[in-house]
Structures are given as structure tokens and as C-alpha cells.
Protein backbone atom coordinates (compact mmCIF):
# COMPACT_ATOMS: atom_id res chain seq x y z
CA MET A 1 181.75 107.08 -28.40
CA SER A 2 181.85 109.25 -31.39
CA ARG A 3 179.81 112.62 -31.53
CA ARG A 4 176.58 112.47 -33.94
CA GLY A 5 178.57 112.86 -37.41
CA GLU A 6 181.42 111.52 -36.59
CA HIS A 7 182.86 108.43 -38.89
CA HIS A 8 183.68 105.75 -37.04
CA THR A 9 186.99 104.77 -39.51
CA ARG A 10 189.74 107.47 -40.68
CA PRO A 11 189.11 108.50 -43.62
CA ASP A 12 192.76 108.20 -46.26
CA ARG A 13 195.33 111.76 -46.30
CA LEU A 14 193.40 114.08 -47.72
CA SER A 15 194.88 115.92 -50.92
CA GLY A 16 195.92 119.29 -50.70
CA ASP A 17 193.16 119.87 -53.06
CA GLN A 18 190.67 118.94 -50.27
CA PHE A 19 192.48 121.03 -47.72
CA ALA A 20 192.08 123.83 -50.19
CA LEU A 21 187.96 123.82 -50.69
CA LEU A 22 188.17 122.95 -47.05
CA PHE A 23 189.75 126.61 -46.45
CA THR A 24 187.64 128.09 -49.37
CA PHE A 25 184.48 126.96 -47.69
CA ARG A 26 185.19 127.35 -44.13
CA ARG A 27 186.64 131.04 -45.31
CA ALA A 28 182.97 131.67 -47.06
CA MET A 29 180.84 130.78 -44.06
CA LEU A 30 183.24 133.78 -42.38
CA GLN A 31 182.86 136.14 -44.80
CA PHE A 32 179.29 135.17 -44.62
CA THR A 33 178.67 135.54 -40.77
CA LYS A 34 180.87 138.86 -40.39
CA TRP A 35 178.44 140.28 -43.37
CA SER A 36 175.23 139.55 -41.93
CA GLU A 37 175.93 140.99 -38.07
CA GLN A 38 177.24 144.11 -40.06
CA ARG A 39 173.43 144.11 -42.30
CA VAL A 40 171.72 142.85 -38.84
CA ARG A 41 173.03 145.69 -36.81
CA LYS A 42 172.62 148.11 -39.24
CA ALA A 43 168.72 147.35 -39.03
CA GLY A 44 169.11 147.40 -35.18
CA LEU A 45 169.42 143.57 -33.92
CA THR A 46 171.85 141.82 -32.76
CA PRO A 47 173.22 138.61 -34.62
CA GLN A 48 171.53 136.80 -31.60
CA GLN A 49 168.35 138.46 -32.06
CA TYR A 50 168.33 138.30 -35.14
CA LEU A 51 168.44 134.42 -35.15
CA LEU A 52 166.26 133.89 -32.51
CA LEU A 53 163.36 135.74 -34.74
CA LEU A 54 164.37 133.57 -38.03
CA ALA A 55 163.92 130.11 -35.26
CA VAL A 56 160.40 131.83 -34.34
CA ARG A 57 159.86 132.40 -37.99
CA ALA A 58 160.59 128.40 -39.17
CA ARG A 59 159.05 127.09 -36.99
CA THR A 60 156.55 124.84 -38.75
CA ALA A 61 154.40 122.96 -36.12
CA ASP A 62 150.80 124.04 -35.36
CA SER A 63 151.81 126.00 -32.05
CA PRO A 64 154.53 128.42 -31.47
CA PRO A 65 157.48 127.50 -30.43
CA SER A 66 158.38 127.72 -26.52
CA VAL A 67 161.12 129.41 -24.97
CA GLY A 68 162.51 125.65 -24.17
CA ASP A 69 161.87 124.60 -27.88
CA LEU A 70 164.15 128.40 -28.62
CA ALA A 71 166.99 127.66 -26.02
CA GLY A 72 166.94 123.89 -27.57
CA GLU A 73 167.37 125.75 -31.25
CA LEU A 74 169.15 128.37 -30.52
CA LEU A 75 171.93 125.78 -28.21
CA ILE A 76 171.86 128.07 -25.76
CA ARG A 77 171.02 127.64 -22.13
CA PRO A 78 166.99 128.07 -21.30
CA ASN A 79 167.71 131.21 -18.71
CA SER A 80 169.41 132.65 -21.34
CA ALA A 81 166.19 132.11 -23.78
CA ILE A 82 164.32 133.64 -21.52
CA GLU A 83 166.75 136.68 -20.87
CA LEU A 84 167.24 137.00 -25.70
CA VAL A 85 162.83 136.62 -25.28
CA ASN A 86 162.80 139.50 -22.67
CA ARG A 87 164.98 141.38 -24.70
CA ALA A 88 162.72 141.04 -28.04
CA GLU A 89 159.81 142.26 -26.19
CA SER A 90 160.94 145.16 -24.45
CA LEU A 91 161.88 146.03 -28.33
CA GLY A 92 158.21 145.13 -29.56
CA LEU A 93 159.41 142.21 -31.64
CA VAL A 94 157.98 139.15 -30.18
CA SER A 95 155.13 138.39 -27.97
CA ARG A 96 154.41 136.15 -25.07
CA GLN A 97 151.24 133.62 -24.71
CA ARG A 98 150.84 130.50 -22.05
CA ASP A 99 149.60 127.51 -24.29
CA THR A 100 145.61 127.07 -24.11
CA ARG A 101 146.81 123.37 -22.71
CA ASP A 102 149.76 123.47 -20.55
CA GLN A 103 149.97 126.81 -18.41
CA ARG A 104 153.21 125.75 -17.73
CA VAL A 105 154.39 126.42 -21.26
CA VAL A 106 155.52 129.99 -22.78
CA ARG A 107 154.73 130.29 -26.20
CA VAL A 108 157.02 132.93 -28.43
CA THR A 109 155.09 134.64 -31.16
CA LEU A 110 156.91 137.50 -33.52
CA THR A 111 155.19 140.82 -34.02
CA GLY A 112 154.42 143.23 -36.86
CA LYS A 113 157.32 144.92 -36.38
CA ALA A 114 159.56 141.87 -36.67
CA HIS A 115 158.11 139.98 -39.82
CA GLN A 116 158.57 143.32 -41.91
CA MET A 117 162.13 143.42 -40.44
CA LEU A 118 162.66 139.83 -40.97
CA ASP A 119 161.28 139.90 -44.42
CA GLY A 120 163.99 142.54 -45.67
CA LEU A 121 167.07 140.67 -43.91
CA ALA A 122 165.97 137.54 -44.92
CA ALA A 123 165.54 138.77 -48.43
CA ALA A 124 168.85 140.30 -48.77
CA HIS A 125 170.82 137.01 -46.24
CA LEU A 126 168.97 134.97 -49.15
CA ALA A 127 170.77 136.69 -51.95
CA GLU A 128 174.47 136.76 -50.40
CA LEU A 129 173.91 133.10 -49.87
CA GLU A 130 173.08 132.72 -53.59
CA ARG A 131 175.91 134.92 -54.38
CA ALA A 132 178.58 132.79 -52.23
CA ALA A 133 176.78 129.65 -53.16
CA GLU A 134 178.14 130.95 -56.62
CA SER A 135 181.53 132.37 -55.97
CA LEU A 136 182.42 128.15 -54.21
CA SER A 137 180.26 126.80 -57.58
CA ILE A 138 178.09 125.23 -55.30
CA SER A 139 175.25 123.75 -57.55
CA GLU A 140 171.69 123.60 -56.77
CA ASP A 141 171.87 119.80 -56.72
CA PHE A 142 173.98 120.08 -54.84
CA LEU A 143 172.24 121.93 -52.26
CA THR A 144 169.14 120.05 -52.56
CA THR A 145 171.19 116.79 -51.54
CA LEU A 146 172.04 118.88 -48.64
CA SER A 147 168.79 119.70 -48.04
CA ALA A 148 166.78 116.33 -48.37
CA LYS A 149 169.85 114.47 -46.40
CA TYR A 150 170.46 116.70 -43.87
CA LEU A 151 167.13 118.65 -43.60
CA GLY A 152 164.56 115.55 -44.78
CA ALA A 153 166.04 113.04 -42.81
CA GLY A 154 163.65 110.46 -42.02
CA ASP A 155 160.67 112.59 -43.66
CA THR A 156 158.36 110.63 -45.91
CA GLN A 157 158.43 112.99 -48.19
CA THR A 158 161.72 112.71 -49.33
CA GLY A 159 161.79 109.44 -49.62
CA GLN A 160 164.17 108.55 -47.35
């Protein structure tokens, strides 16, 4: 049984250039992650709190994400998501409301303070991501293709 995204056939031997490309990409991801952690900590957040804020803000559904949704999005256990939301709430970054249709479900929304922090951090992160993409010679067409392939899978608007 293969994991999601794994190929069933073994590729031909990789060339030195392919290994160099993989290393360069992984190193760029590591540099971006370290840069991000430093930037987020300077703003007074932990990297996990920043990721929580991004996950809440990125939600495009009709209703805000539930704590369970956030656990799935952040790849953490539900009890860890509850603790993360508790800490963010104590910092005035998020608020919780019971779902109007199902009182068992707790929805999480950003506060004005979180929106303000996130706007500045996200703009800086996008600029850094663009810089990293340029240093890797990643074209906008390549990124668009990846986005359509992986983020828009099954989306009728992308024609897939």
C-alpha cells in the first residue's frame, strides 16, 4: 500500500543535477522556515500561533473553521488544537462561538488584533516567498501550474 502522492514505479537513477535541485529546494524551504520563525517571534507569536491565524484566515467556506477543522489543517491532535486556540484566545487573537446549527461545534474567528498582526506578517512572508522563488529561478508559470494541479484538484474552475 502506498502513501498519498507516492509513485508505484521506481524512477530511473537520478542525476547529480537532480540531487542538487532537490537539495537547493530543501535548503530554500529550511531558510524560509527559519526566517519565518524569527519574524513571527519578533511579532510576539509562536510559529504555531501564526499558522493557526493563517489557517483561520485562509478558510473560504461559508462558516469559520471549527476547532476540529483546525486540528486537521494543522496536522495536530484535537486536544492540541484546543490548547492552541486557548492560548490564542488568551492573547486576544481569536474568539470562539458555538455553531448556530450544531451547538456541539465550536467555531474560531480572528479578532481585529489578529487581523492587524496577520496583515503585516503575511505581506512580509509573501515578499520573502517571492524572493526565494526568484533565487530558485522558479517561474510564475511553474507556480501557477503547481497551484492548479495541487490546490485546485477537482475544482471545476480550473478545468480539472
